[in-house]
N, C-alpha and C. Protein backbone atom coordinates (compact mmCIF):
# COMPACT_ATOMS: atom_id res chain seq x y z
N MET A 1 0.92 -1.29 -0.14
CA MET A 1 -0.26 -0.02 -0.45
C MET A 1 1.49 1.29 0.12
N LEU A 2 0.55 2.44 -0.49
CA LEU A 2 1.30 3.57 -0.80
C LEU A 2 0.54 4.29 0.52
N ASP A 3 2.00 4.70 0.51
CA ASP A 3 2.09 5.96 1.90
C ASP A 3 1.04 7.36 1.33
N THR A 4 0.47 7.40 2.93
CA THR A 4 0.42 8.77 2.72
C THR A 4 0.43 10.47 2.74
N GLY A 5 0.92 11.44 2.01
CA GLY A 5 1.07 12.36 1.76
C GLY A 5 2.48 12.21 1.43
N ILE A 6 2.57 10.74 -0.12
CA ILE A 6 2.89 11.35 -1.29
C ILE A 6 1.40 11.62 -2.42
N LYS A 7 2.11 11.97 -3.76
CA LYS A 7 1.40 12.09 -5.09
C LYS A 7 1.03 10.86 -5.12
N ALA A 8 -0.26 10.58 -5.35
CA ALA A 8 -0.68 9.62 -6.14
C ALA A 8 -0.48 9.07 -8.12
N PRO A 9 0.09 8.50 -8.07
CA PRO A 9 0.56 7.49 -9.38
C PRO A 9 -0.39 8.46 -10.16
N ASP A 10 -0.37 8.85 -11.57
CA ASP A 10 -1.09 9.27 -12.76
C ASP A 10 -1.22 8.04 -13.08
N PHE A 11 -2.37 8.09 -14.26
CA PHE A 11 -2.37 6.82 -15.08
C PHE A 11 -3.46 7.36 -15.82
N THR A 12 -3.81 5.87 -17.07
CA THR A 12 -5.03 6.19 -17.77
C THR A 12 -4.82 4.97 -17.99
N LEU A 13 -6.23 5.15 -18.09
CA LEU A 13 -7.43 3.55 -18.25
C LEU A 13 -8.22 3.29 -18.61
N PRO A 14 -9.48 2.50 -19.82
CA PRO A 14 -10.44 2.58 -20.01
C PRO A 14 -11.28 2.16 -19.43
N ASP A 15 -12.44 3.30 -19.47
CA ASP A 15 -13.81 2.64 -18.22
C ASP A 15 -14.37 1.68 -18.73
N GLN A 16 -15.47 1.79 -18.34
CA GLN A 16 -16.61 1.33 -18.58
C GLN A 16 -17.36 0.99 -19.85
N ASN A 17 -16.99 1.44 -20.65
CA ASN A 17 -17.95 2.49 -22.12
C ASN A 17 -16.55 2.23 -22.93
N GLY A 18 -15.19 2.30 -22.70
CA GLY A 18 -14.00 2.04 -23.12
C GLY A 18 -13.68 3.33 -23.34
N GLU A 19 -14.02 4.79 -22.54
CA GLU A 19 -13.12 5.69 -22.38
C GLU A 19 -12.07 6.01 -21.65
N ASN A 20 -11.25 6.47 -22.16
CA ASN A 20 -10.26 6.25 -21.49
C ASN A 20 -10.02 7.63 -20.35
N HIS A 21 -9.44 7.19 -19.11
CA HIS A 21 -9.54 7.98 -17.94
C HIS A 21 -8.52 8.64 -17.49
N SER A 22 -7.77 9.55 -17.22
CA SER A 22 -6.78 9.47 -16.47
C SER A 22 -6.38 10.58 -14.56
N LEU A 23 -5.96 9.53 -13.94
CA LEU A 23 -6.69 10.38 -12.45
C LEU A 23 -6.51 11.74 -12.32
N SER A 24 -5.44 12.87 -13.22
CA SER A 24 -5.15 14.07 -13.68
C SER A 24 -6.01 14.55 -13.87
N ASP A 25 -7.00 14.02 -14.61
CA ASP A 25 -8.77 14.22 -15.76
C ASP A 25 -9.36 15.23 -14.12
N TYR A 26 -9.27 14.72 -13.00
CA TYR A 26 -10.04 15.28 -11.51
C TYR A 26 -9.06 15.77 -10.96
N ALA A 27 -8.58 16.62 -10.89
CA ALA A 27 -7.66 17.49 -10.55
C ALA A 27 -8.65 18.73 -10.02
N GLY A 28 -8.99 18.73 -8.85
CA GLY A 28 -9.77 19.68 -8.48
C GLY A 28 -10.61 19.47 -7.65
N GLN A 29 -10.56 18.18 -7.47
CA GLN A 29 -12.01 17.16 -7.31
C GLN A 29 -11.34 16.17 -6.06
N LYS A 30 -11.91 15.77 -4.96
CA LYS A 30 -11.62 14.52 -3.97
C LYS A 30 -11.31 13.07 -4.74
N VAL A 31 -11.02 13.05 -5.03
CA VAL A 31 -11.34 10.92 -5.44
C VAL A 31 -10.68 10.46 -4.28
N ILE A 32 -12.24 9.46 -3.96
CA ILE A 32 -11.83 7.86 -3.73
C ILE A 32 -11.60 6.80 -4.61
N LEU A 33 -10.57 6.15 -4.38
CA LEU A 33 -10.03 5.28 -5.70
C LEU A 33 -9.91 4.26 -5.23
N TYR A 34 -10.98 2.91 -5.36
CA TYR A 34 -10.75 2.23 -4.65
C TYR A 34 -10.15 0.78 -5.48
N PHE A 35 -9.94 0.14 -5.33
CA PHE A 35 -9.18 -1.40 -5.98
C PHE A 35 -10.16 -2.61 -5.21
N TYR A 36 -10.15 -3.18 -5.75
CA TYR A 36 -11.46 -4.00 -5.91
C TYR A 36 -11.06 -5.92 -6.70
N PRO A 37 -11.12 -7.34 -5.92
CA PRO A 37 -10.98 -8.35 -7.06
C PRO A 37 -11.29 -8.69 -8.34
N LYS A 38 -12.79 -8.38 -8.03
CA LYS A 38 -13.75 -9.30 -9.99
C LYS A 38 -15.35 -8.88 -9.46
N ASP A 39 -15.01 -8.68 -10.85
CA ASP A 39 -16.65 -8.26 -10.86
C ASP A 39 -17.20 -9.37 -10.78
N MET A 40 -18.99 -8.69 -10.35
CA MET A 40 -20.16 -9.77 -10.42
C MET A 40 -19.68 -10.97 -8.98
N THR A 41 -19.05 -10.46 -8.09
CA THR A 41 -18.67 -11.44 -6.91
C THR A 41 -19.57 -11.09 -5.09
N SER A 42 -19.47 -11.51 -4.51
CA SER A 42 -20.69 -11.35 -3.45
C SER A 42 -19.87 -9.62 -2.90
N GLY A 43 -18.60 -10.00 -2.66
CA GLY A 43 -18.13 -8.98 -2.13
C GLY A 43 -17.70 -7.57 -2.79
N CYS A 44 -17.30 -7.34 -3.79
CA CYS A 44 -17.47 -6.45 -4.76
C CYS A 44 -18.58 -6.04 -5.18
N SER A 45 -19.90 -7.20 -5.01
CA SER A 45 -20.74 -6.69 -5.53
C SER A 45 -21.69 -5.54 -4.56
N LYS A 46 -21.17 -5.68 -3.35
CA LYS A 46 -22.10 -5.32 -2.09
C LYS A 46 -20.89 -4.01 -2.34
N GLN A 47 -19.61 -4.06 -2.11
CA GLN A 47 -18.91 -2.72 -1.95
C GLN A 47 -19.12 -1.49 -3.50
N ALA A 48 -19.50 -2.07 -4.41
CA ALA A 48 -19.84 -1.23 -5.38
C ALA A 48 -21.59 -0.59 -5.29
N CYS A 49 -21.88 -1.62 -4.69
CA CYS A 49 -23.55 -0.86 -4.70
C CYS A 49 -23.86 0.09 -3.52
N ALA A 50 -23.03 -0.27 -2.85
CA ALA A 50 -22.99 0.97 -1.65
C ALA A 50 -21.85 1.77 -1.94
N PHE A 51 -20.68 1.77 -2.54
CA PHE A 51 -20.79 3.07 -3.01
C PHE A 51 -22.17 3.97 -4.45
N GLY A 52 -22.72 3.33 -4.86
CA GLY A 52 -23.58 3.74 -5.95
C GLY A 52 -24.70 4.32 -4.64
N GLU A 53 -25.07 3.63 -4.38
CA GLU A 53 -26.11 4.41 -3.33
C GLU A 53 -26.36 6.24 -2.58
N LEU A 54 -24.49 5.69 -2.27
CA LEU A 54 -24.02 7.14 -1.30
C LEU A 54 -23.45 7.86 -2.16
N TYR A 55 -23.49 7.65 -4.15
CA TYR A 55 -23.13 8.46 -4.22
C TYR A 55 -23.19 9.92 -4.24
N PRO A 56 -24.57 10.07 -4.63
CA PRO A 56 -24.87 11.33 -4.41
C PRO A 56 -24.46 12.40 -3.19
N HIS A 57 -24.20 11.62 -2.18
CA HIS A 57 -23.27 12.37 -0.78
C HIS A 57 -22.06 12.81 -0.93
N PHE A 58 -21.53 11.82 -2.12
CA PHE A 58 -20.63 11.88 -2.49
C PHE A 58 -19.51 12.92 -2.98
N ARG A 59 -21.01 13.07 -4.29
CA ARG A 59 -20.75 14.14 -5.02
C ARG A 59 -20.75 15.44 -4.39
N GLU A 60 -21.89 15.00 -3.54
CA GLU A 60 -22.09 16.86 -2.55
C GLU A 60 -21.12 17.05 -1.84
N LYS A 61 -19.87 16.00 -1.77
CA LYS A 61 -18.44 16.21 -0.74
C LYS A 61 -18.03 17.28 -1.53
N GLY A 62 -18.23 16.80 -3.38
CA GLY A 62 -16.97 17.57 -4.08
C GLY A 62 -15.98 16.55 -4.37
N ALA A 63 -16.58 15.16 -3.82
CA ALA A 63 -15.56 13.31 -4.69
C ALA A 63 -16.31 13.23 -5.38
N VAL A 64 -15.22 12.37 -6.11
CA VAL A 64 -15.92 11.26 -7.51
C VAL A 64 -15.19 10.01 -6.93
N VAL A 65 -15.66 8.73 -7.04
CA VAL A 65 -15.70 7.23 -6.83
C VAL A 65 -15.03 7.12 -7.81
N ILE A 66 -13.87 6.28 -7.66
CA ILE A 66 -13.47 5.31 -8.98
C ILE A 66 -12.98 4.03 -8.91
N GLY A 67 -13.90 2.87 -9.33
CA GLY A 67 -13.16 1.28 -9.04
C GLY A 67 -12.19 0.88 -9.86
N ILE A 68 -11.16 0.45 -9.88
CA ILE A 68 -10.41 -0.33 -10.36
C ILE A 68 -10.35 -2.19 -9.55
N SER A 69 -10.56 -3.04 -11.23
CA SER A 69 -9.63 -4.32 -11.10
C SER A 69 -9.50 -4.39 -12.32
N LYS A 70 -9.11 -5.79 -12.47
CA LYS A 70 -8.19 -6.65 -13.75
C LYS A 70 -8.96 -6.61 -14.41
N ASP A 71 -10.85 -6.92 -14.45
CA ASP A 71 -11.47 -7.46 -15.44
C ASP A 71 -11.05 -6.39 -16.47
N SER A 72 -12.20 -7.12 -17.43
CA SER A 72 -11.98 -6.29 -18.59
C SER A 72 -12.81 -5.32 -19.20
N VAL A 73 -12.77 -4.24 -19.80
CA VAL A 73 -14.20 -3.63 -19.87
C VAL A 73 -15.91 -4.09 -20.65
N ALA A 74 -15.11 -5.32 -21.25
CA ALA A 74 -16.92 -5.82 -20.77
C ALA A 74 -17.24 -6.35 -20.29
N SER A 75 -16.54 -6.79 -18.70
CA SER A 75 -17.40 -7.68 -17.50
C SER A 75 -17.32 -6.04 -16.91
N HIS A 76 -17.07 -4.66 -17.10
CA HIS A 76 -17.64 -4.49 -16.20
C HIS A 76 -17.94 -3.35 -16.33
N LYS A 77 -18.18 -3.19 -18.54
CA LYS A 77 -19.77 -2.88 -19.24
C LYS A 77 -21.39 -3.64 -17.72
N LYS A 78 -21.16 -5.05 -18.15
CA LYS A 78 -21.93 -5.71 -17.53
C LYS A 78 -22.43 -5.95 -16.26
N PHE A 79 -21.07 -5.08 -15.44
CA PHE A 79 -21.25 -4.79 -14.08
C PHE A 79 -22.41 -4.21 -14.05
N GLU A 80 -21.44 -2.66 -14.68
CA GLU A 80 -22.30 -0.97 -14.36
C GLU A 80 -23.73 -1.54 -14.51
N GLU A 81 -24.46 -2.28 -15.44
CA GLU A 81 -25.96 -2.55 -16.32
C GLU A 81 -26.42 -2.89 -15.27
N LYS A 82 -25.72 -4.29 -14.44
CA LYS A 82 -26.82 -4.89 -13.77
C LYS A 82 -26.85 -4.54 -12.41
N TYR A 83 -25.90 -3.75 -12.15
CA TYR A 83 -25.96 -2.83 -10.80
C TYR A 83 -26.48 -1.66 -10.93
N GLY A 84 -26.43 -0.84 -11.68
CA GLY A 84 -27.02 0.01 -11.94
C GLY A 84 -25.67 1.27 -11.73
N LEU A 85 -24.80 1.07 -11.30
CA LEU A 85 -23.88 1.40 -11.13
C LEU A 85 -23.44 3.84 -11.58
N PRO A 86 -23.22 4.45 -10.60
CA PRO A 86 -23.73 5.43 -11.75
C PRO A 86 -22.36 6.19 -10.96
N PHE A 87 -21.26 5.37 -10.98
CA PHE A 87 -20.17 5.64 -10.69
C PHE A 87 -18.83 5.26 -12.41
N THR A 88 -17.46 5.72 -11.97
CA THR A 88 -16.72 5.13 -13.30
C THR A 88 -15.95 3.93 -12.68
N ILE A 89 -15.41 2.95 -13.74
CA ILE A 89 -14.87 1.33 -12.96
C ILE A 89 -14.12 1.34 -14.69
N LEU A 90 -12.65 1.42 -13.61
CA LEU A 90 -11.78 1.10 -14.91
C LEU A 90 -11.13 0.13 -14.84
N SER A 91 -10.96 -0.32 -15.91
CA SER A 91 -10.28 -1.76 -16.55
C SER A 91 -8.57 -1.61 -16.27
N ASP A 92 -7.90 -2.60 -15.26
CA ASP A 92 -6.27 -2.68 -15.70
C ASP A 92 -5.85 -4.05 -16.16
N THR A 93 -6.31 -4.56 -17.26
CA THR A 93 -6.44 -5.68 -17.26
C THR A 93 -4.60 -6.28 -17.38
N GLU A 94 -3.69 -5.46 -17.53
CA GLU A 94 -2.34 -5.48 -17.61
C GLU A 94 -1.57 -5.62 -16.08
N LYS A 95 -2.28 -4.76 -15.23
CA LYS A 95 -2.26 -4.85 -13.63
C LYS A 95 -0.75 -3.77 -13.46
N ASN A 96 -1.14 -2.96 -14.54
CA ASN A 96 0.32 -2.22 -13.93
C ASN A 96 -0.01 -0.86 -13.75
N VAL A 97 -1.82 -0.29 -13.37
CA VAL A 97 -1.21 0.76 -12.09
C VAL A 97 -1.98 -0.51 -10.94
N ILE A 98 -2.40 -1.16 -11.22
CA ILE A 98 -2.73 -1.77 -9.71
C ILE A 98 -1.31 -2.55 -8.91
N GLN A 99 -0.91 -2.43 -9.46
CA GLN A 99 1.02 -2.60 -8.96
C GLN A 99 1.45 -1.64 -8.65
N ALA A 100 1.15 -0.62 -9.57
CA ALA A 100 1.36 1.08 -8.96
C ALA A 100 1.08 1.16 -7.89
N TYR A 101 0.20 0.81 -7.39
CA TYR A 101 -1.00 1.49 -6.37
C TYR A 101 -0.53 0.41 -5.12
N ASP A 102 0.05 -0.39 -5.66
CA ASP A 102 1.14 -1.38 -4.02
C ASP A 102 -0.37 -2.02 -4.16
N VAL A 103 -0.82 -3.23 -4.75
CA VAL A 103 -2.63 -3.88 -4.04
C VAL A 103 -1.92 -5.18 -4.68
N TRP A 104 -1.68 -5.26 -5.15
CA TRP A 104 -1.41 -7.03 -6.27
C TRP A 104 -0.49 -8.12 -5.37
N LYS A 105 -1.14 -8.54 -4.46
CA LYS A 105 -0.62 -8.85 -3.17
C LYS A 105 -0.74 -10.06 -3.49
N GLU A 106 0.38 -11.14 -2.37
CA GLU A 106 -0.05 -12.60 -1.93
C GLU A 106 -1.32 -12.21 -0.84
N LYS A 107 -2.13 -13.29 -1.43
CA LYS A 107 -3.61 -13.55 -0.62
C LYS A 107 -3.68 -15.15 -0.13
N LYS A 108 -4.43 -15.38 1.10
CA LYS A 108 -4.90 -17.01 1.04
C LYS A 108 -6.08 -17.12 1.51
N THR A 109 -6.53 -18.25 0.06
CA THR A 109 -8.00 -18.03 0.32
C THR A 109 -8.10 -19.23 0.72
N SER A 110 -8.65 -20.24 1.30
CA SER A 110 -9.67 -21.44 1.29
C SER A 110 -7.78 -22.85 1.88
N GLY A 111 -7.17 -21.45 2.16
CA GLY A 111 -5.72 -22.50 2.69
C GLY A 111 -4.29 -22.14 1.41
N LYS A 112 -5.20 -21.81 0.73
CA LYS A 112 -3.60 -22.11 -0.73
C LYS A 112 -3.42 -20.38 -0.67
N ILE A 113 -2.16 -20.60 -1.15
CA ILE A 113 -2.36 -18.88 -1.49
C ILE A 113 -1.68 -18.29 -2.74
N THR A 114 -2.19 -17.18 -3.62
CA THR A 114 -2.67 -16.93 -5.13
C THR A 114 -2.04 -15.35 -4.35
N MET A 115 -1.98 -14.05 -5.95
CA MET A 115 -1.91 -13.36 -5.66
C MET A 115 -2.97 -13.16 -7.04
N GLY A 116 -3.53 -11.89 -6.10
CA GLY A 116 -4.15 -10.98 -6.32
C GLY A 116 -4.87 -9.97 -5.69
N VAL A 117 -5.85 -9.63 -6.20
CA VAL A 117 -5.65 -7.48 -5.72
C VAL A 117 -5.95 -7.62 -4.10
N VAL A 118 -5.65 -7.07 -2.96
CA VAL A 118 -6.08 -6.94 -2.06
C VAL A 118 -6.95 -5.59 -2.18
N ARG A 119 -7.98 -6.34 -1.34
CA ARG A 119 -9.15 -4.33 -1.56
C ARG A 119 -8.47 -3.17 -0.97
N THR A 120 -8.57 -1.89 -1.48
CA THR A 120 -7.85 -1.53 -1.46
C THR A 120 -7.97 0.17 -1.42
N THR A 121 -8.86 0.52 -0.64
CA THR A 121 -8.82 2.71 -1.05
C THR A 121 -8.48 3.45 -0.47
N TYR A 122 -7.93 4.23 -1.24
CA TYR A 122 -7.53 5.19 -0.89
C TYR A 122 -8.07 6.87 -1.31
N LEU A 123 -8.31 7.81 -0.13
CA LEU A 123 -8.39 9.14 -0.63
C LEU A 123 -7.33 10.08 -1.42
N ILE A 124 -7.75 10.58 -1.96
CA ILE A 124 -6.18 11.51 -2.69
C ILE A 124 -7.34 13.50 -2.81
N ASP A 125 -6.55 14.48 -2.66
CA ASP A 125 -7.27 15.06 -2.48
C ASP A 125 -7.02 15.76 -4.18
N GLU A 126 -7.28 17.11 -3.94
CA GLU A 126 -8.38 18.26 -5.10
C GLU A 126 -6.22 17.85 -5.82
N ASN A 127 -5.18 18.24 -5.25
CA ASN A 127 -4.52 18.01 -5.08
C ASN A 127 -3.27 16.88 -5.99
N GLY A 128 -4.33 15.97 -5.75
CA GLY A 128 -3.69 14.80 -6.51
C GLY A 128 -2.55 13.94 -4.76
N ILE A 129 -2.69 14.53 -4.07
CA ILE A 129 -2.01 13.68 -3.25
C ILE A 129 -3.19 12.46 -1.82
N ILE A 130 -2.09 11.50 -1.72
CA ILE A 130 -2.91 10.77 -1.25
C ILE A 130 -3.28 11.14 0.50
N ILE A 131 -4.75 11.51 0.87
CA ILE A 131 -4.46 11.96 2.60
C ILE A 131 -4.79 10.79 3.70
N LYS A 132 -5.44 9.93 2.63
CA LYS A 132 -5.65 8.54 3.53
C LYS A 132 -6.07 7.23 2.40
N ALA A 133 -5.65 6.16 3.21
CA ALA A 133 -5.42 4.61 2.57
C ALA A 133 -5.32 4.06 3.40
N PHE A 134 -6.02 2.36 2.50
CA PHE A 134 -7.02 1.35 3.83
C PHE A 134 -6.65 0.27 3.24
N ASP A 135 -6.78 -1.00 3.48
CA ASP A 135 -6.07 -1.65 2.75
C ASP A 135 -6.68 -2.82 3.81
N LYS A 136 -7.19 -4.04 2.99
CA LYS A 136 -7.50 -5.19 3.77
C LYS A 136 -9.32 -4.22 3.83
N VAL A 137 -9.75 -3.71 3.46
CA VAL A 137 -11.49 -3.03 4.04
C VAL A 137 -12.00 -4.00 3.64
N LYS A 138 -13.24 -4.09 4.62
CA LYS A 138 -14.79 -5.18 4.67
C LYS A 138 -15.29 -3.88 3.90
N ALA A 139 -16.17 -5.11 2.35
CA ALA A 139 -15.89 -4.59 1.26
C ALA A 139 -17.63 -3.65 1.24
N ALA A 140 -18.43 -4.21 2.50
CA ALA A 140 -19.49 -3.78 2.65
C ALA A 140 -19.89 -2.77 3.26
N ASP A 141 -18.74 -2.57 4.63
CA ASP A 141 -18.37 -1.06 5.18
C ASP A 141 -17.56 0.03 4.27
N ASN A 142 -16.76 -0.41 3.47
CA ASN A 142 -15.53 0.70 3.00
C ASN A 142 -16.99 2.22 2.44
N PRO A 143 -17.75 1.91 1.67
CA PRO A 143 -18.14 2.91 1.75
C PRO A 143 -18.67 3.95 1.72
N LEU A 144 -19.47 3.80 3.39
CA LEU A 144 -19.51 4.72 4.15
C LEU A 144 -18.82 5.07 5.47
N GLN A 145 -17.54 4.55 5.30
CA GLN A 145 -15.80 4.82 6.15
C GLN A 145 -15.78 5.80 5.03
N MET A 146 -15.60 5.61 3.70
CA MET A 146 -14.95 7.01 3.16
C MET A 146 -15.85 8.21 2.76
N LEU A 147 -16.54 8.10 2.61
CA LEU A 147 -17.61 8.95 3.14
C LEU A 147 -17.25 10.01 5.13
N ASN A 148 -17.63 8.85 5.37
CA ASN A 148 -17.25 9.76 7.40
C ASN A 148 -15.86 9.95 6.52
N GLU A 149 -14.92 9.63 5.96
CA GLU A 149 -13.18 10.29 5.83
C GLU A 149 -13.30 11.55 5.12
N LEU A 150 -14.71 11.99 4.38
CA LEU A 150 -14.71 13.35 3.80
C LEU A 150 -14.70 14.99 4.05
């Protein structure tokens, strides 16, 4: 996980519609940047839906929400449509941004050690500085936690 107080690494990735987004596009706004393991899974769906429900409150506080996983643009489109997600989901199939944000780690699942995305959320200020960082977050609780951080 990256430290607070540092400049968040910029990136350019495609969203669920295939349009590119860069972190620098959001200069002047707070950004909730969350990394999650996989579209359509129980925990990831709970987290995304909770961010979606609270999204108007994030916008009221001048923040945007951006989710990133290694799933494809097509997978993200299905995820967005199934749950009516109002925020941007970015596809990092090459894992370049996932690795830049230090969220690709060893994970122990059902006794097996594998590599994967550790659920992590960063709060980035209007100047692109990481001001809060949370790893191993609880999917269902993370959106409200982040709203309270604003």
